PDB file of N, CA and C in Angstrom:
ATOM      1  N   UNK A   1     106.270  45.223  80.869  1.00  0.00           N
ATOM      2  CA  UNK A   1     106.915  46.307  81.596  1.00  0.00           C
ATOM      3  C   UNK A   1     106.098  47.591  81.513  1.00  0.00           C
ATOM      4  N   UNK A   2     105.590  47.900  80.325  1.00  0.00           N
ATOM      5  CA  UNK A   2     104.782  49.113  80.151  1.00  0.00           C
ATOM      6  C   UNK A   2     103.500  49.045  80.957  1.00  0.00           C
ATOM      7  N   UNK A   3     102.943  47.839  81.073  1.00  0.00           N
ATOM      8  CA  UNK A   3     101.713  47.676  81.844  1.00  0.00           C
ATOM      9  C   UNK A   3     101.946  47.964  83.320  1.00  0.00           C
ATOM     10  N   UNK A   4     103.072  47.536  83.857  1.00  0.00           N
ATOM     11  CA  UNK A   4     103.399  47.782  85.254  1.00  0.00           C
ATOM     12  C   UNK A   4     103.572  49.277  85.518  1.00  0.00           C
ATOM     13  N   UNK A   5     104.231  49.964  84.610  1.00  0.00           N
ATOM     14  CA  UNK A   5     104.418  51.410  84.759  1.00  0.00           C
ATOM     15  C   UNK A   5     103.079  52.124  84.664  1.00  0.00           C
ATOM     16  N   UNK A   6     102.225  51.682  83.751  1.00  0.00           N
ATOM     17  CA  UNK A   6     100.902  52.294  83.603  1.00  0.00           C
ATOM     18  C   UNK A   6     100.070  52.101  84.864  1.00  0.00           C
ATOM     19  N   UNK A   7     100.188  50.942  85.498  1.00  0.00           N
ATOM     20  CA  UNK A   7      99.441  50.693  86.736  1.00  0.00           C
ATOM     21  C   UNK A   7      99.965  51.541  87.886  1.00  0.00           C
ATOM     22  N   UNK A   8     101.261  51.804  87.902  1.00  0.00           N
ATOM     23  CA  UNK A   8     101.835  52.615  88.968  1.00  0.00           C
ATOM     24  C   UNK A   8     101.408  54.075  88.877  1.00  0.00           C
ATOM     25  N   UNK A   9     101.254  54.549  87.652  1.00  0.00           N
ATOM     26  CA  UNK A   9     100.935  55.953  87.457  1.00  0.00           C
ATOM     27  C   UNK A   9      99.430  56.100  87.294  1.00  0.00           C
ATOM     28  N   UNK A  10      98.757  56.216  88.404  1.00  0.00           N
ATOM     29  CA  UNK A  10      97.347  56.540  88.391  1.00  0.00           C
ATOM     30  C   UNK A  10      97.100  57.607  89.449  1.00  0.00           C
ATOM     31  N   UNK A  11      95.901  58.051  89.546  1.00  0.00           N
ATOM     32  CA  UNK A  11      95.599  59.209  90.387  1.00  0.00           C
ATOM     33  C   UNK A  11      95.922  58.963  91.853  1.00  0.00           C
ATOM     34  N   UNK A  12      95.529  57.822  92.380  1.00  0.00           N
ATOM     35  CA  UNK A  12      95.752  57.596  93.814  1.00  0.00           C
ATOM     36  C   UNK A  12      97.235  57.503  94.147  1.00  0.00           C
ATOM     37  N   UNK A  13      98.031  56.986  93.234  1.00  0.00           N
ATOM     38  CA  UNK A  13      99.473  56.926  93.459  1.00  0.00           C
ATOM     39  C   UNK A  13     100.070  58.324  93.474  1.00  0.00           C
ATOM     40  N   UNK A  14      99.669  59.138  92.525  1.00  0.00           N
ATOM     41  CA  UNK A  14     100.187  60.505  92.447  1.00  0.00           C
ATOM     42  C   UNK A  14      99.791  61.311  93.679  1.00  0.00           C
ATOM     43  N   UNK A  15      98.546  61.176  94.107  1.00  0.00           N
ATOM     44  CA  UNK A  15      98.082  61.905  95.295  1.00  0.00           C
ATOM     45  C   UNK A  15      98.842  61.455  96.533  1.00  0.00           C
ATOM     46  N   UNK A  16      99.040  60.157  96.694  1.00  0.00           N
ATOM     47  CA  UNK A  16      99.761  59.638  97.855  1.00  0.00           C
ATOM     48  C   UNK A  16     101.198  60.142  97.883  1.00  0.00           C
ATOM     49  N   UNK A  17     101.880  60.075  96.750  1.00  0.00           N
ATOM     50  CA  UNK A  17     103.263  60.547  96.688  1.00  0.00           C
ATOM     51  C   UNK A  17     103.338  62.049  96.939  1.00  0.00           C
ATOM     52  N   UNK A  18     102.390  62.797  96.398  1.00  0.00           N
ATOM     53  CA  UNK A  18     102.374  64.251  96.607  1.00  0.00           C
ATOM     54  C   UNK A  18     102.156  64.606  98.077  1.00  0.00           C
ATOM     55  N   UNK A  19     101.249  63.905  98.753  1.00  0.00           N
ATOM     56  CA  UNK A  19     101.011  64.178 100.171  1.00  0.00           C
ATOM     57  C   UNK A  19     102.225  63.855 101.029  1.00  0.00           C
ATOM     58  N   UNK A  20     102.844  62.723 100.778  1.00  0.00           N
ATOM     59  CA  UNK A  20     104.037  62.355 101.542  1.00  0.00           C
ATOM     60  C   UNK A  20     105.157  63.364 101.283  1.00  0.00           C
ATOM     61  N   UNK A  21     105.325  63.750 100.033  1.00  0.00           N
ATOM     62  CA  UNK A  21     106.329  64.762  99.693  1.00  0.00           C
ATOM     63  C   UNK A  21     106.049  66.100 100.364  1.00  0.00           C
ATOM     64  N   UNK A  22     104.785  66.496 100.402  1.00  0.00           N
ATOM     65  CA  UNK A  22     104.419  67.762 101.041  1.00  0.00           C
ATOM     66  C   UNK A  22     104.732  67.745 102.535  1.00  0.00           C
ATOM     67  N   UNK A  23     104.432  66.635 103.190  1.00  0.00           N
ATOM     68  CA  UNK A  23     104.738  66.527 104.618  1.00  0.00           C
ATOM     69  C   UNK A  23     106.238  66.652 104.850  1.00  0.00           C
ATOM     70  N   UNK A  24     107.013  65.980 104.043  1.00  0.00           N
ATOM     71  CA  UNK A  24     108.470  66.025 104.196  1.00  0.00           C
ATOM     72  C   UNK A  24     109.005  67.434 103.970  1.00  0.00           C
ATOM     73  N   UNK A  25     108.595  68.059 102.883  1.00  0.00           N
ATOM     74  CA  UNK A  25     109.112  69.391 102.535  1.00  0.00           C
ATOM     75  C   UNK A  25     108.667  70.442 103.545  1.00  0.00           C
ATOM     76  N   UNK A  26     107.375  70.474 103.849  1.00  0.00           N
ATOM     77  CA  UNK A  26     106.876  71.504 104.770  1.00  0.00           C
ATOM     78  C   UNK A  26     107.435  71.340 106.178  1.00  0.00           C
ATOM     79  N   UNK A  27     107.619  70.106 106.607  1.00  0.00           N
ATOM     80  CA  UNK A  27     108.191  69.866 107.926  1.00  0.00           C
ATOM     81  C   UNK A  27     109.663  70.269 107.956  1.00  0.00           C
ATOM     82  N   UNK A  28     110.396  69.913 106.912  1.00  0.00           N
ATOM     83  CA  UNK A  28     111.821  70.237 106.861  1.00  0.00           C
ATOM     84  C   UNK A  28     112.047  71.747 106.826  1.00  0.00           C
ATOM     85  N   UNK A  29     111.182  72.461 106.143  1.00  0.00           N
ATOM     86  CA  UNK A  29     111.330  73.907 106.042  1.00  0.00           C
ATOM     87  C   UNK A  29     110.694  74.648 107.217  1.00  0.00           C
ATOM     88  N   UNK A  30     109.942  73.952 108.038  1.00  0.00           N
ATOM     89  CA  UNK A  30     109.309  74.566 109.194  1.00  0.00           C
ATOM     90  C   UNK A  30     108.138  75.466 108.839  1.00  0.00           C
ATOM     91  N   UNK A  31     107.553  75.275 107.671  1.00  0.00           N
ATOM     92  CA  UNK A  31     106.446  76.125 107.225  1.00  0.00           C
ATOM     93  C   UNK A  31     105.111  75.738 107.833  1.00  0.00           C
ATOM     94  N   UNK A  32     104.974  74.480 108.227  1.00  0.00           N
ATOM     95  CA  UNK A  32     103.692  74.010 108.743  1.00  0.00           C
ATOM     96  C   UNK A  32     103.934  72.988 109.843  1.00  0.00           C
ATOM     97  N   UNK A  33     102.993  72.921 110.740  1.00  0.00           N
ATOM     98  CA  UNK A  33     103.055  71.950 111.815  1.00  0.00           C
ATOM     99  C   UNK A  33     102.762  70.564 111.224  1.00  0.00           C
ATOM    100  N   UNK A  34     103.631  69.592 111.423  1.00  0.00           N
ATOM    101  CA  UNK A  34     103.452  68.279 110.786  1.00  0.00           C
ATOM    102  C   UNK A  34     102.145  67.582 111.142  1.00  0.00           C
ATOM    103  N   UNK A  35     101.590  67.862 112.313  1.00  0.00           N
ATOM    104  CA  UNK A  35     100.344  67.198 112.718  1.00  0.00           C
ATOM    105  C   UNK A  35      99.173  67.566 111.817  1.00  0.00           C
ATOM    106  N   UNK A  36      99.255  68.710 111.158  1.00  0.00           N
ATOM    107  CA  UNK A  36      98.154  69.137 110.295  1.00  0.00           C
ATOM    108  C   UNK A  36      98.045  68.288 109.035  1.00  0.00           C
ATOM    109  N   UNK A  37      99.159  67.814 108.537  1.00  0.00           N
ATOM    110  CA  UNK A  37      99.130  66.982 107.328  1.00  0.00           C
ATOM    111  C   UNK A  37      99.287  65.499 107.617  1.00  0.00           C
ATOM    112  N   UNK A  38      99.719  65.155 108.805  1.00  0.00           N
ATOM    113  CA  UNK A  38      99.998  63.758 109.116  1.00  0.00           C
ATOM    114  C   UNK A  38      98.752  62.881 109.026  1.00  0.00           C
ATOM    115  N   UNK A  39      97.629  63.340 109.564  1.00  0.00           N
ATOM    116  CA  UNK A  39      96.425  62.505 109.535  1.00  0.00           C
ATOM    117  C   UNK A  39      95.935  62.289 108.115  1.00  0.00           C
ATOM    118  N   UNK A  40      95.982  63.327 107.290  1.00  0.00           N
ATOM    119  CA  UNK A  40      95.554  63.182 105.905  1.00  0.00           C
ATOM    120  C   UNK A  40      96.494  62.252 105.138  1.00  0.00           C
ATOM    121  N   UNK A  41      97.769  62.385 105.371  1.00  0.00           N
ATOM    122  CA  UNK A  41      98.742  61.529 104.698  1.00  0.00           C
ATOM    123  C   UNK A  41      98.586  60.076 105.142  1.00  0.00           C
ATOM    124  N   UNK A  42      98.370  59.869 106.419  1.00  0.00           N
ATOM    125  CA  UNK A  42      98.168  58.510 106.936  1.00  0.00           C
ATOM    126  C   UNK A  42      96.951  57.861 106.302  1.00  0.00           C
ATOM    127  N   UNK A  43      95.864  58.615 106.183  1.00  0.00           N
ATOM    128  CA  UNK A  43      94.666  58.069 105.549  1.00  0.00           C
ATOM    129  C   UNK A  43      94.921  57.722 104.086  1.00  0.00           C
ATOM    130  N   UNK A  44      95.603  58.591 103.371  1.00  0.00           N
ATOM    131  CA  UNK A  44      95.863  58.350 101.951  1.00  0.00           C
ATOM    132  C   UNK A  44      96.761  57.146 101.743  1.00  0.00           C
ATOM    133  N   UNK A  45      97.809  57.043 102.530  1.00  0.00           N
ATOM    134  CA  UNK A  45      98.727  55.904 102.402  1.00  0.00           C
ATOM    135  C   UNK A  45      98.020  54.607 102.787  1.00  0.00           C
ATOM    136  N   UNK A  46      97.230  54.632 103.851  1.00  0.00           N
ATOM    137  CA  UNK A  46      96.490  53.433 104.262  1.00  0.00           C
ATOM    138  C   UNK A  46      95.516  52.997 103.177  1.00  0.00           C
ATOM    139  N   UNK A  47      94.802  53.949 102.604  1.00  0.00           N
ATOM    140  CA  UNK A  47      93.872  53.634 101.527  1.00  0.00           C
ATOM    141  C   UNK A  47      94.612  53.061 100.322  1.00  0.00           C
ATOM    142  N   UNK A  48      95.726  53.669  99.979  1.00  0.00           N
ATOM    143  CA  UNK A  48      96.518  53.222  98.832  1.00  0.00           C
ATOM    144  C   UNK A  48      96.926  51.764  98.999  1.00  0.00           C
ATOM    145  N   UNK A  49      97.474  51.407 100.160  1.00  0.00           N
ATOM    146  CA  UNK A  49      97.926  50.035 100.369  1.00  0.00           C
ATOM    147  C   UNK A  49      96.759  49.075 100.535  1.00  0.00           C
ATOM    148  N   UNK A  50      95.656  49.521 101.108  1.00  0.00           N
ATOM    149  CA  UNK A  50      94.481  48.653 101.235  1.00  0.00           C
ATOM    150  C   UNK A  50      93.937  48.300  99.857  1.00  0.00           C
ATOM    151  N   UNK A  51      93.876  49.263  98.958  1.00  0.00           N
ATOM    152  CA  UNK A  51      93.391  48.999  97.606  1.00  0.00           C
ATOM    153  C   UNK A  51      94.361  48.093  96.868  1.00  0.00           C
ATOM    154  N   UNK A  52      95.670  48.317  97.039  1.00  0.00           N
ATOM    155  CA  UNK A  52      96.664  47.468  96.373  1.00  0.00           C
ATOM    156  C   UNK A  52      96.541  46.019  96.854  1.00  0.00           C
ATOM    157  N   UNK A  53      96.361  45.816  98.160  1.00  0.00           N
ATOM    158  CA  UNK A  53      96.223  44.455  98.686  1.00  0.00           C
ATOM    159  C   UNK A  53      94.942  43.805  98.185  1.00  0.00           C
ATOM    160  N   UNK A  54      93.876  44.577  98.099  1.00  0.00           N
ATOM    161  CA  UNK A  54      92.599  44.042  97.622  1.00  0.00           C
ATOM    162  C   UNK A  54      92.711  43.647  96.152  1.00  0.00           C
ATOM    163  N   UNK A  55      93.408  44.440  95.352  1.00  0.00           N
ATOM    164  CA  UNK A  55      93.564  44.143  93.933  1.00  0.00           C
ATOM    165  C   UNK A  55      94.416  42.905  93.680  1.00  0.00           C
ATOM    166  N   UNK A  56      95.309  42.591  94.591  1.00  0.00           N
ATOM    167  CA  UNK A  56      96.193  41.441  94.411  1.00  0.00           C
ATOM    168  C   UNK A  56      95.481  40.128  94.656  1.00  0.00           C
ATOM    169  N   UNK A  57      94.414  40.141  95.422  1.00  0.00           N
ATOM    170  CA  UNK A  57      93.717  38.888  95.757  1.00  0.00           C
ATOM    171  C   UNK A  57      92.841  38.431  94.648  1.00  0.00           C
TER     172      UNK A  57
END
């Protein structure tokens, strides 16, 4: 169980969650245009899942 938690908490996971959270918060508050962060968030999430799929094989 500890190993699974340790694998979840790494830099790329934290960055991905932070970017998704930032898009949600800034869009909800109307502070920033969502298109400005959407491309960066999409790239980070795509990279995150691509690496996870590669590690599983």
